[in-house]
């Protein structure tokens, strides 16, 4: 019967027509929907990735993504905090629009429109493994397993789709990769395209390393940032923070200096974290850090010596956690390559925000200053996207949702505030690309005591307003002052640029309908 149909068709259409039909079928196969693998870490800053020219560590597997694709050099977040950043990503909207403004008072409304739900409607399978951190259970995913809250590095708990909490054995970064690869291999319908979110806890505080990497970087001495000893002159909010390496970094919780009889504000929490280890791992962990602690307490360091000692320990532990993360990025890439999936898969790597590696004397994030507002973003592009190298246009984490939707062939709802990056991935240079970015941070009073603020960033300038229990404006010329040390707001000669930035700030607040404008009206004539 099949032979008869084929012969009849050949007779009716002719050889040329059949050749054309075969060509169309082949083209249809070649244009099958793209898969998306979105790898997001926590608090991984561009300064700690060698593809961004880091002088600190080598990240060969992350470099593979940048080498075979693109590196965004002006990638930013809309709110430099874990939960809010994730809500911006998944909705394509600023914090005030998606309702998740901070980690302390908000629960993500899972009934609202999200990018994974829209992908499902377009025929995609969606999955998320790892950190969720939105104080609710995921919606819009065909498969999910998430860690409670921040998660634990050692022998972590996971919440399953059955709403059970189960403990898994091993190091969290490895486990998340194991689960993600297993879902791609065994858990999905391979006739359908998929979007997989691999969300790591790494490299979040308190930087607990994989046991096999305890001794890594111990012979490294990290250069102090130029502004490590910043005195915060002319910057009231910067002076009021509680994220100083010297003053606020906990010797036990952060630096593992749990010497005999020593205590600290966060020691009890630290003991819960390390208490999850197996006996053999705990023995190796204690042997390593106890010897360092004994030597440290014997020296009785103070002042600059103590500050710089704490910085070196911080950098070493952070780097060890990066090393395990980079290993696991390599495992995912190797799997996709082995299965012949790379040509049909967009691989995205980013972090939920940047982080301070001693700049201004700090750790953590939150501020609109460059190190925390800026986030790494690299993509390995599928077949058909020939762009390689750097993309300099300003992009933001609200842009991921419309990008994935366009790649999936799904409509982009009008209320999504981000813009698709697809034209940039095609090597285009849109003349109407955005010239400024909007930022708004809400979580105060809270951990680290960073004041509430909003602002606008252009390619050269940044204008910030700190508000609530403070009323302070800051203006930076990023070309002349890339480290943001000199607040030039109100100085003679800045009147015109201030006026233009005020106008642009108001335009963005109106465009994004941020209600803060009603409480703090902007005087464009200032």
Protein backbone atom coordinates (compact mmCIF):
# COMPACT_ATOMS: atom_id res chain seq x y z
CA UNK A 1 0.00 0.00 0.00
CA UNK A 2 2.82 2.42 0.91
CA UNK A 3 4.56 1.58 -2.37
CA UNK A 4 1.38 2.29 -4.35
CA UNK A 5 0.89 5.68 -2.66
CA UNK A 6 4.47 6.60 -3.32
CA UNK A 7 4.26 5.55 -6.97
CA UNK A 8 0.98 7.40 -7.50
CA UNK A 9 2.33 10.50 -5.90
CA UNK A 10 5.45 10.31 -8.06
CA UNK A 11 3.24 9.98 -11.17
CA UNK A 12 1.01 12.92 -10.28
CA UNK A 13 3.64 15.35 -9.00
CA UNK A 14 6.69 14.34 -10.97
CA UNK A 15 10.26 13.99 -9.77
CA UNK A 16 10.89 17.73 -9.51
CA UNK A 17 7.87 18.34 -7.35
CA UNK A 18 8.78 15.49 -5.03
CA UNK A 19 12.29 16.86 -4.71
CA UNK A 20 10.81 20.19 -3.72
CA UNK A 21 8.52 18.49 -1.20
CA UNK A 22 11.48 16.65 0.30
CA UNK A 23 13.36 19.94 0.52
CA UNK A 24 10.44 21.57 2.37
CA UNK A 25 10.24 18.64 4.79
CA UNK A 26 13.96 18.88 5.45
CA UNK A 27 13.70 22.63 6.04
CA UNK A 28 10.84 22.02 8.46
CA UNK A 29 12.98 19.56 10.38
CA UNK A 30 15.89 21.97 10.46
CA UNK A 31 13.68 24.72 11.89
CA UNK A 32 12.27 22.67 14.74
CA UNK A 33 11.77 24.64 17.97
CA UNK A 34 14.87 25.44 19.97
CA UNK A 35 15.54 24.05 23.42
CA UNK A 36 16.59 26.47 26.16
CA UNK A 37 18.93 25.61 29.04
CA UNK A 38 19.05 28.52 31.47
CA UNK A 39 21.76 28.20 34.12
CA UNK A 40 21.56 30.78 36.89
CA UNK A 41 23.81 31.03 39.89
CA UNK A 42 23.49 33.17 43.00
CA UNK A 43 25.84 36.08 43.69
CA UNK A 44 28.31 35.15 40.96
CA UNK A 45 29.95 38.34 39.82
CA UNK A 46 31.68 39.02 36.52
CA UNK A 47 34.92 39.79 38.38
CA UNK A 48 35.13 36.07 39.16
CA UNK A 49 34.82 34.75 35.60
CA UNK A 50 37.90 34.53 33.41
CA UNK A 51 35.87 35.19 30.24
CA UNK A 52 35.32 38.67 31.67
CA UNK A 53 39.06 39.14 32.10
CA UNK A 54 39.14 38.25 35.79
CA UNK A 55 42.57 38.43 37.37
CA UNK A 56 41.37 36.17 40.18
CA UNK A 57 40.24 32.74 38.91
CA UNK A 58 39.99 30.59 35.81
CA UNK A 59 36.56 29.35 34.67
CA UNK A 60 37.30 27.24 31.58
CA UNK A 61 33.81 25.80 31.17
CA UNK A 62 32.08 29.15 31.47
CA UNK A 63 34.63 30.43 28.98
CA UNK A 64 33.45 27.71 26.56
CA UNK A 65 30.01 29.29 26.49
CA UNK A 66 31.41 32.75 25.78
CA UNK A 67 33.89 31.42 23.21
CA UNK A 68 31.22 29.58 21.23
CA UNK A 69 28.67 32.35 21.55
CA UNK A 70 28.35 35.84 22.93
CA UNK A 71 29.34 37.82 25.99
CA UNK A 72 27.14 40.71 27.09
CA UNK A 73 29.34 43.49 28.45
CA UNK A 74 26.51 45.69 29.73
CA UNK A 75 24.14 43.26 31.43
CA UNK A 76 22.27 44.48 34.52
CA UNK A 77 19.54 43.61 36.98
CA UNK A 78 16.51 45.66 37.97
CA UNK A 79 16.77 44.92 41.71
CA UNK A 80 19.99 43.41 43.07
CA UNK A 81 18.54 40.81 45.41
CA UNK A 82 17.92 37.10 44.94
CA UNK A 83 14.15 36.69 45.10
CA UNK A 84 13.25 39.95 43.38
CA UNK A 85 15.76 39.28 40.61
CA UNK A 86 14.23 35.85 39.97
CA UNK A 87 10.74 37.35 39.89
CA UNK A 88 11.90 39.94 37.35
CA UNK A 89 13.40 37.20 35.20
CA UNK A 90 10.40 34.91 35.23
CA UNK A 91 7.81 37.64 34.58
CA UNK A 92 9.74 40.08 32.39
CA UNK A 93 8.58 42.87 34.68
CA UNK A 94 10.09 45.21 37.27
CA UNK A 95 9.58 44.40 40.96
CA UNK A 96 6.68 46.78 41.57
CA UNK A 97 4.83 45.22 38.60
CA UNK A 98 5.36 41.55 39.57
CA UNK A 99 4.74 42.20 43.26
CA UNK A 100 7.91 40.63 44.67
CA UNK A 101 9.95 43.59 45.86
CA UNK A 102 12.04 42.05 48.67
CA UNK A 103 12.90 38.80 50.42
CA UNK A 104 11.52 39.72 53.83
CA UNK A 105 7.86 40.61 53.27
CA UNK A 106 6.82 39.16 49.91
CA UNK A 107 5.36 35.91 48.61
CA UNK A 108 5.42 35.45 44.84
CA UNK A 109 1.93 35.34 43.33
CA UNK A 110 2.14 32.14 41.31
CA UNK A 111 -1.22 32.77 39.67
CA UNK A 112 0.13 35.63 37.58
CA UNK A 113 1.38 35.42 34.02
CA UNK A 114 4.92 34.06 33.78
CA UNK A 115 7.26 33.15 30.99
CA UNK A 116 7.24 29.38 31.78
CA UNK A 117 3.42 29.34 31.57
CA UNK A 118 3.56 31.08 28.20
CA UNK A 119 6.16 28.58 27.00
CA UNK A 120 3.87 25.74 28.06
CA UNK A 121 1.10 27.27 25.98
CA UNK A 122 3.51 27.28 23.04
CA UNK A 123 4.05 23.53 23.39
CA UNK A 124 7.20 23.57 25.52
CA UNK A 125 8.01 21.35 28.46
CA UNK A 126 9.30 23.41 31.37
CA UNK A 127 11.36 22.32 34.35
CA UNK A 128 13.24 23.93 37.22
CA UNK A 129 15.78 22.30 39.52
CA UNK A 130 17.48 23.95 42.48
CA UNK A 131 16.94 27.34 44.02
CA UNK A 132 13.53 28.99 43.71
CA UNK A 133 13.54 31.44 46.66
CA UNK A 134 10.17 33.05 45.93
CA UNK A 135 8.41 31.94 49.15
CA UNK A 136 5.81 29.94 47.21
CA UNK A 137 5.73 26.72 45.22
CA UNK A 138 6.55 26.92 41.51
CA UNK A 139 3.78 27.17 38.94
CA UNK A 140 4.09 26.87 35.18
CA UNK A 141 6.50 23.93 35.33
CA UNK A 142 5.91 20.36 34.16
CA UNK A 143 8.63 19.23 36.55
CA UNK A 144 10.26 20.86 39.54
CA UNK A 145 12.33 20.05 42.59
CA UNK A 146 13.52 22.99 44.64
CA UNK A 147 15.54 23.62 47.77
CA UNK A 148 13.77 25.25 50.72
CA UNK A 149 14.77 28.91 51.01
CA UNK A 150 18.48 29.32 50.39
CA UNK A 151 19.20 25.61 50.44
CA UNK A 152 22.17 23.81 52.01
CA UNK A 153 25.51 23.04 50.39
CA UNK A 154 25.92 19.68 52.17
CA UNK A 155 23.39 16.79 52.05
CA UNK A 156 20.61 19.23 51.09
CA UNK A 157 16.85 18.97 51.39
CA UNK A 158 14.59 19.24 48.34
CA UNK A 159 10.87 19.93 48.09
CA UNK A 160 9.25 17.68 45.50
CA UNK A 161 6.14 18.11 43.35
CA UNK A 162 4.33 15.86 45.85
CA UNK A 163 5.10 18.55 48.45
CA UNK A 164 7.38 16.15 50.31
CA UNK A 165 10.75 17.24 51.67
CA UNK A 166 13.50 14.73 51.04
CA UNK A 167 17.21 14.81 51.81
CA UNK A 168 19.76 13.99 49.13
CA UNK A 169 23.34 12.92 49.70
CA UNK A 170 26.26 14.95 48.37
CA UNK A 171 27.29 18.48 47.48
CA UNK A 172 24.41 20.65 46.28
CA UNK A 173 26.03 21.99 43.09
CA UNK A 174 26.73 18.43 41.91
CA UNK A 175 23.25 17.22 42.87
CA UNK A 176 21.47 19.99 40.95
CA UNK A 177 23.46 19.11 37.85
CA UNK A 178 22.79 15.38 38.33
CA UNK A 179 19.06 16.02 38.55
CA UNK A 180 19.03 18.38 35.57
CA UNK A 181 20.90 15.95 33.33
CA UNK A 182 18.70 13.09 34.49
CA UNK A 183 15.56 15.03 33.57
CA UNK A 184 16.92 15.79 30.10
CA UNK A 185 17.83 12.13 29.62
CA UNK A 186 14.94 10.32 31.31
CA UNK A 187 12.26 12.68 32.51
CA UNK A 188 11.05 14.60 29.49
CA UNK A 189 9.05 13.84 26.37
CA UNK A 190 11.78 13.91 23.74
CA UNK A 191 9.31 14.71 20.98
CA UNK A 192 8.78 18.18 22.44
CA UNK A 193 11.06 21.20 22.89
CA UNK A 194 11.97 22.12 26.45
CA UNK A 195 13.10 24.97 28.65
CA UNK A 196 15.13 23.84 31.66
CA UNK A 197 16.04 26.21 34.49
CA UNK A 198 19.14 25.01 36.36
CA UNK A 199 19.23 27.26 39.42
CA UNK A 200 22.23 26.89 41.72
CA UNK A 201 22.68 28.05 45.29
CA UNK A 202 26.35 28.62 44.52
CA UNK A 203 28.07 31.01 45.03
CA UNK A 204 25.89 32.33 47.85
CA UNK A 205 27.16 33.18 51.32
CA UNK A 206 28.66 31.48 53.35
CA UNK A 207 30.77 29.95 50.58
CA UNK A 208 31.08 26.38 51.84
CA UNK A 209 33.36 24.49 49.43
CA UNK A 210 33.15 20.99 48.07
CA UNK A 211 35.39 18.86 50.29
CA UNK A 212 37.70 17.82 47.44
CA UNK A 213 38.50 21.49 46.82
CA UNK A 214 39.31 22.50 50.39
CA UNK A 215 42.95 23.14 49.55
CA UNK A 216 42.37 24.99 46.28
CA UNK A 217 43.59 28.61 46.10
CA UNK A 218 45.38 28.35 49.44
CA UNK A 219 48.61 29.46 47.78
CA UNK A 220 46.88 32.41 46.07
CA UNK A 221 47.17 35.99 47.24
CA UNK A 222 44.43 38.18 45.83
CA UNK A 223 45.12 41.82 45.03
CA UNK A 224 43.13 44.35 47.03
CA UNK A 225 40.69 46.45 44.99
CA UNK A 226 41.80 50.06 44.59
CA UNK A 227 38.93 51.28 46.73
CA UNK A 228 39.09 48.62 49.45
CA UNK A 229 39.67 51.37 52.02
CA UNK A 230 36.86 53.62 50.79
CA UNK A 231 35.85 56.24 53.40
CA UNK A 232 32.43 56.90 51.76
CA UNK A 233 32.89 60.66 51.71
CA UNK A 234 29.88 62.38 50.18
CA UNK A 235 27.82 59.14 50.16
CA UNK A 236 25.55 58.89 53.19
CA UNK A 237 23.93 55.57 52.29
CA UNK A 238 27.27 53.93 51.57
CA UNK A 239 28.52 55.00 54.99
CA UNK A 240 25.43 53.51 56.72
CA UNK A 241 25.60 49.96 55.26
CA UNK A 242 26.50 46.84 57.22
CA UNK A 243 28.33 44.78 54.60
CA UNK A 244 31.91 45.63 55.43
CA UNK A 245 34.42 42.79 55.19
CA UNK A 246 36.30 44.25 58.13
CA UNK A 247 33.37 45.10 60.42
CA UNK A 248 30.50 42.83 59.39
CA UNK A 249 31.93 39.63 57.93
CA UNK A 250 31.46 36.99 60.62
CA UNK A 251 34.63 35.14 61.63
CA UNK A 252 32.82 31.86 62.25
CA UNK A 253 29.80 31.88 59.92
CA UNK A 254 31.59 33.39 56.93
CA UNK A 255 35.24 32.46 57.47
CA UNK A 256 34.90 29.17 59.41
CA UNK A 257 37.20 30.28 62.26
CA UNK A 258 35.38 28.19 64.85
CA UNK A 259 38.14 28.06 67.42
CA UNK A 260 37.76 26.48 70.85
CA UNK A 261 35.56 28.64 73.06
CA UNK A 262 34.95 31.19 70.29
CA UNK A 263 31.49 32.51 69.58
CA UNK A 264 29.79 34.92 67.21
CA UNK A 265 26.35 36.26 66.27
CA UNK A 266 25.92 33.64 63.55
CA UNK A 267 27.70 30.66 65.09
CA UNK A 268 24.48 28.70 65.75
CA UNK A 269 23.45 29.02 62.10
CA UNK A 270 26.93 28.00 60.97
CA UNK A 271 26.81 24.86 63.11
CA UNK A 272 23.52 23.83 61.49
CA UNK A 273 25.05 24.17 58.03
CA UNK A 274 28.24 22.24 58.67
CA UNK A 275 26.42 19.77 60.90
CA UNK A 276 24.77 18.30 57.80
CA UNK A 277 28.04 16.79 56.58
CA UNK A 278 28.88 13.10 56.71
CA UNK A 279 31.36 12.17 59.42
CA UNK A 280 34.29 11.69 57.03
CA UNK A 281 33.66 15.00 55.27
CA UNK A 282 33.26 16.82 58.58
CA UNK A 283 36.53 15.39 59.81
CA UNK A 284 38.37 16.66 56.72
CA UNK A 285 36.59 20.02 56.95
CA UNK A 286 37.47 20.54 60.61
CA UNK A 287 41.07 19.42 60.16
CA UNK A 288 41.52 21.99 57.38
CA UNK A 289 39.87 25.01 58.99
CA UNK A 290 40.88 24.27 62.60
CA UNK A 291 44.54 24.57 61.71
CA UNK A 292 43.93 27.93 60.03
CA UNK A 293 41.84 29.11 63.00
CA UNK A 294 44.51 28.17 65.52
CA UNK A 295 47.12 30.15 63.61
CA UNK A 296 44.74 33.08 63.13
CA UNK A 297 43.74 33.45 66.79
CA UNK A 298 47.37 33.17 67.86
CA UNK A 299 48.27 36.21 65.76
CA UNK A 300 45.62 38.47 67.35
CA UNK A 301 45.33 40.61 64.24
CA UNK A 302 43.72 44.05 64.34
CA UNK A 303 43.13 46.99 62.03
CA UNK A 304 44.31 46.73 58.43
CA UNK A 305 46.04 43.41 59.05
CA UNK A 306 42.74 41.88 60.18
CA UNK A 307 40.78 43.46 57.32
CA UNK A 308 43.17 42.14 54.70
CA UNK A 309 43.39 38.71 56.30
CA UNK A 310 39.58 38.43 56.22
CA UNK A 311 39.59 39.53 52.57
CA UNK A 312 42.03 36.78 51.57
CA UNK A 313 40.00 34.07 53.34
CA UNK A 314 36.79 35.34 51.75
CA UNK A 315 38.32 35.32 48.28
CA UNK A 316 39.73 31.82 48.68
CA UNK A 317 36.49 30.24 49.87
CA UNK A 318 34.43 32.04 47.23
CA UNK A 319 36.85 30.85 44.53
CA UNK A 320 36.57 27.24 45.69
CA UNK A 321 32.79 27.35 45.31
CA UNK A 322 33.22 28.86 41.83
CA UNK A 323 35.46 25.95 40.87
CA UNK A 324 32.76 23.36 41.60
CA UNK A 325 30.22 25.46 39.77
CA UNK A 326 32.43 25.69 36.69
CA UNK A 327 32.94 21.91 36.76
CA UNK A 328 29.20 21.40 36.67
CA UNK A 329 28.60 23.84 33.85
CA UNK A 330 31.09 21.70 31.94
CA UNK A 331 29.11 18.56 32.74
CA UNK A 332 25.93 20.07 31.27
CA UNK A 333 27.74 21.23 28.14
CA UNK A 334 29.34 17.81 27.73
CA UNK A 335 25.95 16.11 28.01
CA UNK A 336 24.37 18.36 25.39
CA UNK A 337 27.33 17.80 23.07
CA UNK A 338 27.32 14.04 23.59
CA UNK A 339 23.59 13.88 22.76
CA UNK A 340 23.96 16.07 19.67
CA UNK A 341 21.74 18.76 21.15
CA UNK A 342 24.02 21.80 21.11
CA UNK A 343 23.06 22.90 17.59
CA UNK A 344 19.42 23.11 18.63
CA UNK A 345 19.82 24.51 22.16
CA UNK A 346 20.36 28.00 23.50
CA UNK A 347 22.55 27.76 26.61
CA UNK A 348 22.36 30.81 28.87
CA UNK A 349 24.56 31.45 31.89
CA UNK A 350 23.97 34.32 34.27
CA UNK A 351 23.67 35.19 37.95
CA UNK A 352 20.78 36.72 39.86
CA UNK A 353 22.99 39.78 40.40
CA UNK A 354 26.59 40.82 40.82
CA UNK A 355 28.57 40.86 44.06
CA UNK A 356 31.27 42.86 45.82
CA UNK A 357 34.66 41.21 45.98
CA UNK A 358 36.17 43.81 48.29
CA UNK A 359 35.26 46.86 46.20
CA UNK A 360 34.40 49.68 48.63
CA UNK A 361 35.53 47.24 51.33
CA UNK A 362 32.36 45.19 50.88
CA UNK A 363 30.82 41.80 50.30
CA UNK A 364 27.16 41.26 49.29
CA UNK A 365 25.16 43.30 46.73
CA UNK A 366 21.94 45.46 46.92
CA UNK A 367 23.37 48.83 45.87
CA UNK A 368 22.82 50.27 42.40
CA UNK A 369 26.59 50.66 42.12
CA UNK A 370 28.22 48.81 39.25
CA UNK A 371 29.53 45.65 40.92
CA UNK A 372 26.07 44.59 42.12
CA UNK A 373 23.81 46.04 39.43
CA UNK A 374 26.00 44.50 36.73
CA UNK A 375 25.58 40.76 36.21
CA UNK A 376 27.42 38.34 33.93
CA UNK A 377 25.51 37.12 30.89
CA UNK A 378 26.94 34.72 28.32
CA UNK A 379 25.10 32.59 25.77
CA UNK A 380 26.08 29.67 23.58
CA UNK A 381 24.03 30.15 20.46
CA UNK A 382 22.28 27.41 18.46
CA UNK A 383 22.79 26.77 14.78
CA UNK A 384 21.58 29.63 12.64
CA UNK A 385 22.77 32.36 15.01
CA UNK A 386 26.17 33.45 13.74
CA UNK A 387 26.86 36.30 16.14
CA UNK A 388 30.08 35.83 18.14
CA UNK A 389 31.98 37.99 20.60
CA UNK A 390 30.78 40.92 22.65
CA UNK A 391 27.35 42.52 22.69
CA UNK A 392 27.70 46.04 24.13
CA UNK A 393 24.05 47.13 24.26
CA UNK A 394 22.49 47.64 27.69
CA UNK A 395 20.31 44.67 28.64
CA UNK A 396 18.46 43.76 31.82
CA UNK A 397 17.08 40.64 33.48
CA UNK A 398 13.52 41.65 32.51
CA UNK A 399 14.64 40.91 28.93
CA UNK A 400 15.04 37.15 29.34
CA UNK A 401 11.30 36.39 29.28
CA UNK A 402 10.55 38.07 25.92
CA UNK A 403 13.76 36.61 24.46
CA UNK A 404 12.78 33.04 25.28
CA UNK A 405 9.23 33.62 24.08
CA UNK A 406 10.38 34.96 20.72
CA UNK A 407 12.80 32.06 20.29
CA UNK A 408 9.92 29.68 21.05
CA UNK A 409 7.73 31.35 18.44
CA UNK A 410 5.31 32.46 21.16
CA UNK A 411 3.62 35.86 21.25
CA UNK A 412 5.05 38.40 23.70
CA UNK A 413 2.29 39.95 25.82
CA UNK A 414 2.14 43.74 25.74
CA UNK A 415 2.43 44.05 29.51
CA UNK A 416 5.91 42.48 29.55
CA UNK A 417 8.31 45.34 30.26
CA UNK A 418 11.51 43.78 28.94
CA UNK A 419 12.57 43.64 25.31
CA UNK A 420 13.67 40.61 23.32
CA UNK A 421 17.40 40.15 22.81
CA UNK A 422 16.90 38.10 19.64
CA UNK A 423 17.89 40.96 17.28
CA UNK A 424 21.19 41.28 19.17
CA UNK A 425 21.75 37.51 18.96
CA UNK A 426 21.32 37.79 15.20
CA UNK A 427 24.05 40.42 15.04
CA UNK A 428 21.67 43.29 14.34
CA UNK A 429 22.26 46.81 15.61
CA UNK A 430 18.79 48.20 16.37
CA UNK A 431 18.85 52.00 16.09
CA UNK A 432 16.06 52.32 18.65
CA UNK A 433 17.69 50.17 21.34
CA UNK A 434 17.24 51.49 24.88
CA UNK A 435 19.60 54.24 26.04
CA UNK A 436 18.96 53.90 29.77
CA UNK A 437 18.04 51.43 32.52
CA UNK A 438 15.78 51.71 35.57
CA UNK A 439 16.62 50.24 38.99
CA UNK A 440 14.71 50.07 42.28
CA UNK A 441 15.82 48.43 45.56
CA UNK A 442 13.30 48.07 48.42
CA UNK A 443 14.60 45.81 51.20
CA UNK A 444 15.21 48.13 54.16
CA UNK A 445 15.49 47.94 57.10
CA UNK A 446 16.93 44.46 56.75
CA UNK A 447 20.17 42.48 56.62
CA UNK A 448 23.11 44.72 55.60
CA UNK A 449 21.02 47.91 56.06
CA UNK A 450 21.25 49.23 52.52
CA UNK A 451 18.87 52.17 52.15
CA UNK A 452 15.97 52.04 49.71
CA UNK A 453 16.78 53.67 46.41
CA UNK A 454 15.91 53.98 42.75
CA UNK A 455 17.77 55.45 39.82
CA UNK A 456 18.64 55.63 36.16
CA UNK A 457 21.79 54.48 34.38
CA UNK A 458 22.87 55.61 30.92
CA UNK A 459 26.00 54.63 29.04
CA UNK A 460 27.93 57.35 30.87
CA UNK A 461 26.01 58.57 33.91
CA UNK A 462 24.15 57.21 36.90
CA UNK A 463 21.65 59.14 39.03
CA UNK A 464 20.43 57.58 42.30
CA UNK A 465 17.88 58.73 44.88
CA UNK A 466 18.09 57.19 48.37
CA UNK A 467 14.76 57.63 50.15
CA UNK A 468 12.52 56.49 53.03
CA UNK A 469 14.46 57.50 56.18
CA UNK A 470 16.93 59.48 54.08
CA UNK A 471 16.70 61.95 51.19
CA UNK A 472 19.98 61.89 49.33
CA UNK A 473 20.87 62.09 45.65
CA UNK A 474 24.03 60.76 44.03
CA UNK A 475 25.39 61.40 40.54
CA UNK A 476 28.31 59.59 38.95
CA UNK A 477 30.23 60.10 35.74
CA UNK A 478 31.08 56.47 34.96
CA UNK A 479 33.58 57.50 32.32
CA UNK A 480 35.63 59.69 34.63
CA UNK A 481 34.86 57.75 37.82
CA UNK A 482 34.23 54.06 37.01
CA UNK A 483 34.58 53.01 40.67
CA UNK A 484 31.87 55.47 41.79
CA UNK A 485 33.93 57.20 44.43
CA UNK A 486 32.97 60.81 43.73
CA UNK A 487 29.38 61.89 44.11
CA UNK A 488 29.12 64.98 41.88
CA UNK A 489 25.44 65.69 42.50
CA UNK A 490 24.92 69.42 43.03
CA UNK A 491 28.42 70.38 41.96
CA UNK A 492 28.85 73.35 39.60
CA UNK A 493 28.84 72.28 35.98
CA UNK A 494 26.51 69.30 36.49
CA UNK A 495 23.25 71.24 36.17
CA UNK A 496 22.49 70.29 32.58
CA UNK A 497 23.31 66.60 32.88
CA UNK A 498 21.34 66.40 36.14
CA UNK A 499 18.33 67.97 34.43
CA UNK A 500 18.52 65.49 31.56
CA UNK A 501 18.87 62.52 33.93
CA UNK A 502 15.93 63.69 36.04
CA UNK A 503 13.87 63.88 32.88
CA UNK A 504 14.93 60.39 31.84
CA UNK A 505 14.30 58.98 35.33
CA UNK A 506 10.78 60.36 35.29
CA UNK A 507 10.20 59.02 31.78
CA UNK A 508 11.18 55.51 32.92
CA UNK A 509 9.03 55.68 36.04
CA UNK A 510 6.08 56.69 33.89
CA UNK A 511 6.87 54.03 31.27
CA UNK A 512 7.05 51.27 33.89
CA UNK A 513 4.24 52.79 36.02
CA UNK A 514 6.27 52.76 39.24
CA UNK A 515 4.02 54.27 41.95
CA UNK A 516 7.08 55.70 43.71
CA UNK A 517 6.76 58.69 41.40
CA UNK A 518 3.58 59.73 43.19
CA UNK A 519 5.33 59.73 46.56
CA UNK A 520 8.52 61.41 45.34
CA UNK A 521 7.63 63.63 42.38
CA UNK A 522 10.62 64.49 40.20
CA UNK A 523 11.47 68.11 39.53
CA UNK A 524 12.90 68.10 36.02
CA UNK A 525 14.01 71.70 36.40
CA UNK A 526 16.36 71.03 39.30
